[in-house]
Amino acid sequence: MQKIAKEDLPAILPTRGGRDTKLRVNLLQLAVGEGLFMTNEEWKRKNPPYKIVARIKKTHGFRYEYGLKGDGSGWLFRRIA
């Protein structure tokens, strides 16, 4: 277990279930210009990750550049707006 300071708590979004995946929570926490790499082993869902990116764009207005890494080992995401 890890104790979290009171001032750090609002910056951490919990995964609640339903549409909240670890990818969605981490994408929502990215600042403009930051990136995220997710390996293929981490993605266990039927739909591809870009479906989550599209849903975030529709509901929150955040925009991302994303795609498969050149060697095919996972997905790269970068927040652009």
PDB file of N, CA and C in Angstrom:
ATOM      1  N   MET A   1       0.836  -1.184   0.000  1.00  0.00           N
ATOM      2  CA  MET A   1       0.000   0.000   0.000  1.00  0.00           C
ATOM      3  C   MET A   1       0.876   1.240   0.000  1.00  0.00           C
ATOM      4  N   GLN A   2       0.302   2.298  -0.534  1.00  0.00           N
ATOM      5  CA  GLN A   2       1.033   3.550  -0.613  1.00  0.00           C
ATOM      6  C   GLN A   2       0.158   4.668  -0.082  1.00  0.00           C
ATOM      7  N   LYS A   3       0.719   5.476   0.816  1.00  0.00           N
ATOM      8  CA  LYS A   3      -0.005   6.612   1.360  1.00  0.00           C
ATOM      9  C   LYS A   3       0.143   7.795   0.399  1.00  0.00           C
ATOM     10  N   ILE A   4      -0.957   8.504   0.141  1.00  0.00           N
ATOM     11  CA  ILE A   4      -0.966   9.627  -0.794  1.00  0.00           C
ATOM     12  C   ILE A   4      -1.231  10.906  -0.009  1.00  0.00           C
ATOM     13  N   ALA A   5      -0.429  11.920  -0.278  1.00  0.00           N
ATOM     14  CA  ALA A   5      -0.579  13.200   0.408  1.00  0.00           C
ATOM     15  C   ALA A   5      -1.885  13.871  -0.014  1.00  0.00           C
ATOM     16  N   LYS A   6      -2.411  14.690   0.864  1.00  0.00           N
ATOM     17  CA  LYS A   6      -3.687  15.363   0.633  1.00  0.00           C
ATOM     18  C   LYS A   6      -3.655  16.242  -0.621  1.00  0.00           C
ATOM     19  N   GLU A   7      -2.536  16.939  -0.858  1.00  0.00           N
ATOM     20  CA  GLU A   7      -2.448  17.828  -2.017  1.00  0.00           C
ATOM     21  C   GLU A   7      -2.263  17.070  -3.330  1.00  0.00           C
ATOM     22  N   ASP A   8      -1.825  15.820  -3.295  1.00  0.00           N
ATOM     23  CA  ASP A   8      -1.658  15.024  -4.517  1.00  0.00           C
ATOM     24  C   ASP A   8      -2.933  14.297  -4.916  1.00  0.00           C
ATOM     25  N   LEU A   9      -3.851  14.138  -4.017  1.00  0.00           N
ATOM     26  CA  LEU A   9      -5.050  13.346  -4.264  1.00  0.00           C
ATOM     27  C   LEU A   9      -5.933  13.857  -5.403  1.00  0.00           C
ATOM     28  N   PRO A  10      -6.215  15.151  -5.546  1.00  0.00           N
ATOM     29  CA  PRO A  10      -7.069  15.589  -6.661  1.00  0.00           C
ATOM     30  C   PRO A  10      -6.453  15.339  -8.036  1.00  0.00           C
ATOM     31  N   ALA A  11      -5.129  15.223  -8.126  1.00  0.00           N
ATOM     32  CA  ALA A  11      -4.464  15.008  -9.411  1.00  0.00           C
ATOM     33  C   ALA A  11      -4.573  13.567  -9.890  1.00  0.00           C
ATOM     34  N   ILE A  12      -4.980  12.671  -9.022  1.00  0.00           N
ATOM     35  CA  ILE A  12      -5.060  11.252  -9.376  1.00  0.00           C
ATOM     36  C   ILE A  12      -6.518  10.872  -9.575  1.00  0.00           C
ATOM     37  N   LEU A  13      -6.844  10.422 -10.777  1.00  0.00           N
ATOM     38  CA  LEU A  13      -8.206   9.991 -11.067  1.00  0.00           C
ATOM     39  C   LEU A  13      -8.325   8.492 -10.830  1.00  0.00           C
ATOM     40  N   PRO A  14      -9.311   8.025 -10.091  1.00  0.00           N
ATOM     41  CA  PRO A  14      -9.463   6.582  -9.873  1.00  0.00           C
ATOM     42  C   PRO A  14     -10.145   5.908 -11.059  1.00  0.00           C
ATOM     43  N   THR A  15      -9.891   4.607 -11.208  1.00  0.00           N
ATOM     44  CA  THR A  15     -10.585   3.805 -12.205  1.00  0.00           C
ATOM     45  C   THR A  15     -11.821   3.244 -11.538  1.00  0.00           C
ATOM     46  N   ARG A  16     -13.008   3.590 -12.057  1.00  0.00           N
ATOM     47  CA  ARG A  16     -14.245   3.218 -11.387  1.00  0.00           C
ATOM     48  C   ARG A  16     -14.932   2.010 -12.012  1.00  0.00           C
ATOM     49  N   GLY A  17     -14.651   1.690 -13.234  1.00  0.00           N
ATOM     50  CA  GLY A  17     -15.361   0.613 -13.914  1.00  0.00           C
ATOM     51  C   GLY A  17     -16.192   1.185 -15.041  1.00  0.00           C
ATOM     52  N   GLY A  18     -16.911   0.355 -15.740  1.00  0.00           N
ATOM     53  CA  GLY A  18     -17.691   0.830 -16.875  1.00  0.00           C
ATOM     54  C   GLY A  18     -16.777   1.262 -17.997  1.00  0.00           C
ATOM     55  N   ARG A  19     -16.838   2.515 -18.409  1.00  0.00           N
ATOM     56  CA  ARG A  19     -15.979   3.009 -19.489  1.00  0.00           C
ATOM     57  C   ARG A  19     -14.598   3.411 -19.004  1.00  0.00           C
ATOM     58  N   ASP A  20     -14.383   3.467 -17.712  1.00  0.00           N
ATOM     59  CA  ASP A  20     -13.089   3.887 -17.193  1.00  0.00           C
ATOM     60  C   ASP A  20     -12.085   2.739 -17.272  1.00  0.00           C
ATOM     61  N   THR A  21     -11.145   2.855 -18.190  1.00  0.00           N
ATOM     62  CA  THR A  21     -10.041   1.917 -18.269  1.00  0.00           C
ATOM     63  C   THR A  21      -8.791   2.634 -17.781  1.00  0.00           C
ATOM     64  N   LYS A  22      -7.735   1.894 -17.556  1.00  0.00           N
ATOM     65  CA  LYS A  22      -6.479   2.522 -17.145  1.00  0.00           C
ATOM     66  C   LYS A  22      -5.986   3.478 -18.228  1.00  0.00           C
ATOM     67  N   LEU A  23      -6.196   3.107 -19.485  1.00  0.00           N
ATOM     68  CA  LEU A  23      -5.789   3.990 -20.584  1.00  0.00           C
ATOM     69  C   LEU A  23      -6.553   5.304 -20.540  1.00  0.00           C
ATOM     70  N   ARG A  24      -7.859   5.257 -20.372  1.00  0.00           N
ATOM     71  CA  ARG A  24      -8.684   6.465 -20.346  1.00  0.00           C
ATOM     72  C   ARG A  24      -8.277   7.384 -19.206  1.00  0.00           C
ATOM     73  N   VAL A  25      -8.083   6.811 -18.032  1.00  0.00           N
ATOM     74  CA  VAL A  25      -7.697   7.611 -16.870  1.00  0.00           C
ATOM     75  C   VAL A  25      -6.344   8.272 -17.107  1.00  0.00           C
ATOM     76  N   ASN A  26      -5.378   7.534 -17.663  1.00  0.00           N
ATOM     77  CA  ASN A  26      -4.054   8.102 -17.925  1.00  0.00           C
ATOM     78  C   ASN A  26      -4.092   9.141 -19.033  1.00  0.00           C
ATOM     79  N   LEU A  27      -4.916   8.946 -20.056  1.00  0.00           N
ATOM     80  CA  LEU A  27      -5.031   9.941 -21.121  1.00  0.00           C
ATOM     81  C   LEU A  27      -5.644  11.241 -20.610  1.00  0.00           C
ATOM     82  N   LEU A  28      -6.614  11.144 -19.723  1.00  0.00           N
ATOM     83  CA  LEU A  28      -7.233  12.348 -19.173  1.00  0.00           C
ATOM     84  C   LEU A  28      -6.274  13.129 -18.285  1.00  0.00           C
ATOM     85  N   GLN A  29      -5.265  12.481 -17.730  1.00  0.00           N
ATOM     86  CA  GLN A  29      -4.301  13.157 -16.863  1.00  0.00           C
ATOM     87  C   GLN A  29      -3.144  13.785 -17.628  1.00  0.00           C
ATOM     88  N   LEU A  30      -3.016  13.508 -18.933  1.00  0.00           N
ATOM     89  CA  LEU A  30      -1.921  14.073 -19.721  1.00  0.00           C
ATOM     90  C   LEU A  30      -2.117  15.568 -19.933  1.00  0.00           C
ATOM     91  N   ALA A  31      -1.017  16.298 -19.836  1.00  0.00           N
ATOM     92  CA  ALA A  31      -1.025  17.720 -20.182  1.00  0.00           C
ATOM     93  C   ALA A  31      -0.701  17.838 -21.671  1.00  0.00           C
ATOM     94  N   VAL A  32      -0.982  18.990 -22.260  1.00  0.00           N
ATOM     95  CA  VAL A  32      -0.701  19.216 -23.678  1.00  0.00           C
ATOM     96  C   VAL A  32       0.802  19.043 -23.915  1.00  0.00           C
ATOM     97  N   GLY A  33       1.148  18.214 -24.906  1.00  0.00           N
ATOM     98  CA  GLY A  33       2.544  17.944 -25.230  1.00  0.00           C
ATOM     99  C   GLY A  33       3.100  16.682 -24.602  1.00  0.00           C
ATOM    100  N   GLU A  34       2.444  16.141 -23.590  1.00  0.00           N
ATOM    101  CA  GLU A  34       2.916  14.916 -22.950  1.00  0.00           C
ATOM    102  C   GLU A  34       2.478  13.701 -23.750  1.00  0.00           C
ATOM    103  N   GLY A  35       3.209  12.612 -23.582  1.00  0.00           N
ATOM    104  CA  GLY A  35       2.918  11.396 -24.313  1.00  0.00           C
ATOM    105  C   GLY A  35       2.763  10.198 -23.394  1.00  0.00           C
ATOM    106  N   LEU A  36       2.286   9.110 -23.997  1.00  0.00           N
ATOM    107  CA  LEU A  36       2.037   7.875 -23.257  1.00  0.00           C
ATOM    108  C   LEU A  36       2.300   6.707 -24.201  1.00  0.00           C
ATOM    109  N   PHE A  37       2.968   5.667 -23.692  1.00  0.00           N
ATOM    110  CA  PHE A  37       3.187   4.449 -24.462  1.00  0.00           C
ATOM    111  C   PHE A  37       2.502   3.303 -23.741  1.00  0.00           C
ATOM    112  N   MET A  38       1.757   2.498 -24.492  1.00  0.00           N
ATOM    113  CA  MET A  38       1.067   1.336 -23.929  1.00  0.00           C
ATOM    114  C   MET A  38       1.435   0.115 -24.764  1.00  0.00           C
ATOM    115  N   THR A  39       1.939  -0.929 -24.115  1.00  0.00           N
ATOM    116  CA  THR A  39       2.317  -2.143 -24.839  1.00  0.00           C
ATOM    117  C   THR A  39       1.075  -2.932 -25.236  1.00  0.00           C
ATOM    118  N   ASN A  40       1.241  -3.794 -26.208  1.00  0.00           N
ATOM    119  CA  ASN A  40       0.129  -4.629 -26.657  1.00  0.00           C
ATOM    120  C   ASN A  40      -0.348  -5.571 -25.550  1.00  0.00           C
ATOM    121  N   GLU A  41       0.546  -6.000 -24.674  1.00  0.00           N
ATOM    122  CA  GLU A  41       0.179  -6.900 -23.585  1.00  0.00           C
ATOM    123  C   GLU A  41      -0.747  -6.229 -22.565  1.00  0.00           C
ATOM    124  N   GLU A  42      -0.669  -4.905 -22.459  1.00  0.00           N
ATOM    125  CA  GLU A  42      -1.514  -4.172 -21.525  1.00  0.00           C
ATOM    126  C   GLU A  42      -2.949  -4.015 -22.029  1.00  0.00           C
ATOM    127  N   TRP A  43      -3.165  -4.149 -23.333  1.00  0.00           N
ATOM    128  CA  TRP A  43      -4.493  -3.937 -23.905  1.00  0.00           C
ATOM    129  C   TRP A  43      -5.192  -5.277 -24.056  1.00  0.00           C
ATOM    130  N   LYS A  44      -6.209  -5.523 -23.258  1.00  0.00           N
ATOM    131  CA  LYS A  44      -6.910  -6.804 -23.235  1.00  0.00           C
ATOM    132  C   LYS A  44      -8.345  -6.704 -23.735  1.00  0.00           C
ATOM    133  N   ARG A  45      -8.733  -5.600 -24.317  1.00  0.00           N
ATOM    134  CA  ARG A  45     -10.116  -5.406 -24.732  1.00  0.00           C
ATOM    135  C   ARG A  45     -10.322  -5.737 -26.204  1.00  0.00           C
ATOM    136  N   LYS A  46     -11.571  -5.914 -26.565  1.00  0.00           N
ATOM    137  CA  LYS A  46     -11.928  -6.265 -27.932  1.00  0.00           C
ATOM    138  C   LYS A  46     -11.736  -5.090 -28.892  1.00  0.00           C
ATOM    139  N   ASN A  47     -12.236  -3.922 -28.516  1.00  0.00           N
ATOM    140  CA  ASN A  47     -12.129  -2.733 -29.364  1.00  0.00           C
ATOM    141  C   ASN A  47     -10.727  -2.143 -29.275  1.00  0.00           C
ATOM    142  N   PRO A  48     -10.229  -1.556 -30.352  1.00  0.00           N
ATOM    143  CA  PRO A  48      -8.899  -0.944 -30.330  1.00  0.00           C
ATOM    144  C   PRO A  48      -8.883   0.328 -29.483  1.00  0.00           C
ATOM    145  N   PRO A  49      -7.679   0.742 -29.020  1.00  0.00           N
ATOM    146  CA  PRO A  49      -7.567   1.916 -28.147  1.00  0.00           C
ATOM    147  C   PRO A  49      -8.074   3.215 -28.763  1.00  0.00           C
ATOM    148  N   TYR A  50      -8.066   3.336 -30.086  1.00  0.00           N
ATOM    149  CA  TYR A  50      -8.503   4.604 -30.679  1.00  0.00           C
ATOM    150  C   TYR A  50      -9.984   4.872 -30.434  1.00  0.00           C
ATOM    151  N   LYS A  51     -10.748   3.864 -30.084  1.00  0.00           N
ATOM    152  CA  LYS A  51     -12.156   4.079 -29.722  1.00  0.00           C
ATOM    153  C   LYS A  51     -12.252   4.922 -28.443  1.00  0.00           C
ATOM    154  N   ILE A  52     -11.356   4.680 -27.506  1.00  0.00           N
ATOM    155  CA  ILE A  52     -11.332   5.463 -26.261  1.00  0.00           C
ATOM    156  C   ILE A  52     -10.913   6.893 -26.560  1.00  0.00           C
ATOM    157  N   VAL A  53      -9.935   7.059 -27.446  1.00  0.00           N
ATOM    158  CA  VAL A  53      -9.485   8.406 -27.824  1.00  0.00           C
ATOM    159  C   VAL A  53     -10.633   9.181 -28.472  1.00  0.00           C
ATOM    160  N   ALA A  54     -11.392   8.537 -29.334  1.00  0.00           N
ATOM    161  CA  ALA A  54     -12.527   9.194 -29.983  1.00  0.00           C
ATOM    162  C   ALA A  54     -13.589   9.600 -28.970  1.00  0.00           C
ATOM    163  N   ARG A  55     -13.849   8.751 -27.984  1.00  0.00           N
ATOM    164  CA  ARG A  55     -14.841   9.057 -26.950  1.00  0.00           C
ATOM    165  C   ARG A  55     -14.390  10.247 -26.096  1.00  0.00           C
ATOM    166  N   ILE A  56     -13.093  10.299 -25.760  1.00  0.00           N
ATOM    167  CA  ILE A  56     -12.568  11.427 -24.980  1.00  0.00           C
ATOM    168  C   ILE A  56     -12.695  12.724 -25.784  1.00  0.00           C
ATOM    169  N   LYS A  57     -12.402  12.667 -27.081  1.00  0.00           N
ATOM    170  CA  LYS A  57     -12.527  13.862 -27.920  1.00  0.00           C
ATOM    171  C   LYS A  57     -13.966  14.351 -27.935  1.00  0.00           C
ATOM    172  N   LYS A  58     -14.905  13.425 -28.030  1.00  0.00           N
ATOM    173  CA  LYS A  58     -16.315  13.783 -28.095  1.00  0.00           C
ATOM    174  C   LYS A  58     -16.828  14.352 -26.770  1.00  0.00           C
ATOM    175  N   THR A  59     -16.428  13.765 -25.651  1.00  0.00           N
ATOM    176  CA  THR A  59     -16.974  14.174 -24.357  1.00  0.00           C
ATOM    177  C   THR A  59     -16.181  15.277 -23.667  1.00  0.00           C
ATOM    178  N   HIS A  60     -14.853  15.307 -23.850  1.00  0.00           N
ATOM    179  CA  HIS A  60     -14.010  16.274 -23.130  1.00  0.00           C
ATOM    180  C   HIS A  60     -13.368  17.315 -24.030  1.00  0.00           C
ATOM    181  N   GLY A  61     -13.306  17.056 -25.336  1.00  0.00           N
ATOM    182  CA  GLY A  61     -12.690  18.000 -26.253  1.00  0.00           C
ATOM    183  C   GLY A  61     -11.174  17.881 -26.346  1.00  0.00           C
ATOM    184  N   PHE A  62     -10.565  16.914 -25.662  1.00  0.00           N
ATOM    185  CA  PHE A  62      -9.120  16.725 -25.742  1.00  0.00           C
ATOM    186  C   PHE A  62      -8.792  16.065 -27.085  1.00  0.00           C
ATOM    187  N   ARG A  63      -7.665  16.466 -27.701  1.00  0.00           N
ATOM    188  CA  ARG A  63      -7.256  15.874 -28.973  1.00  0.00           C
ATOM    189  C   ARG A  63      -5.892  15.214 -28.815  1.00  0.00           C
ATOM    190  N   TYR A  64      -5.710  14.100 -29.505  1.00  0.00           N
ATOM    191  CA  TYR A  64      -4.487  13.317 -29.400  1.00  0.00           C
ATOM    192  C   TYR A  64      -3.990  12.925 -30.775  1.00  0.00           C
ATOM    193  N   GLU A  65      -2.675  12.782 -30.909  1.00  0.00           N
ATOM    194  CA  GLU A  65      -2.070  12.080 -32.025  1.00  0.00           C
ATOM    195  C   GLU A  65      -1.791  10.686 -31.502  1.00  0.00           C
ATOM    196  N   TYR A  66      -2.070   9.663 -32.293  1.00  0.00           N
ATOM    197  CA  TYR A  66      -1.884   8.302 -31.795  1.00  0.00           C
ATOM    198  C   TYR A  66      -1.633   7.355 -32.952  1.00  0.00           C
ATOM    199  N   GLY A  67      -1.069   6.202 -32.644  1.00  0.00           N
ATOM    200  CA  GLY A  67      -0.820   5.192 -33.655  1.00  0.00           C
ATOM    201  C   GLY A  67       0.042   4.083 -33.088  1.00  0.00           C
ATOM    202  N   LEU A  68       0.214   3.050 -33.896  1.00  0.00           N
ATOM    203  CA  LEU A  68       1.060   1.936 -33.500  1.00  0.00           C
ATOM    204  C   LEU A  68       2.525   2.342 -33.565  1.00  0.00           C
ATOM    205  N   LYS A  69       3.310   1.847 -32.627  1.00  0.00           N
ATOM    206  CA  LYS A  69       4.745   2.078 -32.661  1.00  0.00           C
ATOM    207  C   LYS A  69       5.313   1.362 -33.883  1.00  0.00           C
ATOM    208  N   GLY A  70       6.396   1.860 -34.446  1.00  0.00           N
ATOM    209  CA  GLY A  70       6.961   1.332 -35.675  1.00  0.00           C
ATOM    210  C   GLY A  70       7.240  -0.163 -35.656  1.00  0.00           C
ATOM    211  N   ASP A  71       7.681  -0.687 -34.530  1.00  0.00           N
ATOM    212  CA  ASP A  71       7.987  -2.116 -34.454  1.00  0.00           C
ATOM    213  C   ASP A  71       6.770  -2.964 -34.082  1.00  0.00           C
ATOM    214  N   GLY A  72       5.612  -2.318 -33.882  1.00  0.00           N
ATOM    215  CA  GLY A  72       4.377  -3.049 -33.579  1.00  0.00           C
ATOM    216  C   GLY A  72       4.261  -3.529 -32.142  1.00  0.00           C
ATOM    217  N   SER A  73       5.089  -3.002 -31.243  1.00  0.00           N
ATOM    218  CA  SER A  73       5.076  -3.475 -29.856  1.00  0.00           C
ATOM    219  C   SER A  73       4.025  -2.801 -28.990  1.00  0.00           C
ATOM    220  N   GLY A  74       3.383  -1.762 -29.484  1.00  0.00           N
ATOM    221  CA  GLY A  74       2.370  -1.086 -28.681  1.00  0.00           C
ATOM    222  C   GLY A  74       1.869   0.180 -29.345  1.00  0.00           C
ATOM    223  N   TRP A  75       1.125   0.970 -28.572  1.00  0.00           N
ATOM    224  CA  TRP A  75       0.495   2.199 -29.044  1.00  0.00           C
ATOM    225  C   TRP A  75       1.182   3.411 -28.425  1.00  0.00           C
ATOM    226  N   LEU A  76       1.305   4.472 -29.219  1.00  0.00           N
ATOM    227  CA  LEU A  76       1.828   5.756 -28.756  1.00  0.00           C
ATOM    228  C   LEU A  76       0.715   6.794 -28.809  1.00  0.00           C
ATOM    229  N   PHE A  77       0.631   7.617 -27.779  1.00  0.00           N
ATOM    230  CA  PHE A  77      -0.373   8.673 -27.697  1.00  0.00           C
ATOM    231  C   PHE A  77       0.333   9.964 -27.292  1.00  0.00           C
ATOM    232  N   ARG A  78      -0.070  11.091 -27.890  1.00  0.00           N
ATOM    233  CA  ARG A  78       0.438  12.400 -27.500  1.00  0.00           C
ATOM    234  C   ARG A  78      -0.708  13.375 -27.535  1.00  0.00           C
ATOM    235  N   ARG A  79      -0.889  14.098 -26.433  1.00  0.00           N
ATOM    236  CA  ARG A  79      -1.977  15.085 -26.379  1.00  0.00           C
ATOM    237  C   ARG A  79      -1.544  16.341 -27.101  1.00  0.00           C
ATOM    238  N   ILE A  80      -2.398  16.818 -28.023  1.00  0.00           N
ATOM    239  CA  ILE A  80      -2.070  18.020 -28.802  1.00  0.00           C
ATOM    240  C   ILE A  80      -2.980  19.196 -28.474  1.00  0.00           C
ATOM    241  N   ALA A  81      -4.106  18.958 -27.820  1.00  0.00           N
ATOM    242  CA  ALA A  81      -4.993  20.068 -27.423  1.00  0.00           C
ATOM    243  C   ALA A  81      -5.935  19.612 -26.343  1.00  0.00           C
TER     244      ALA A  81
END
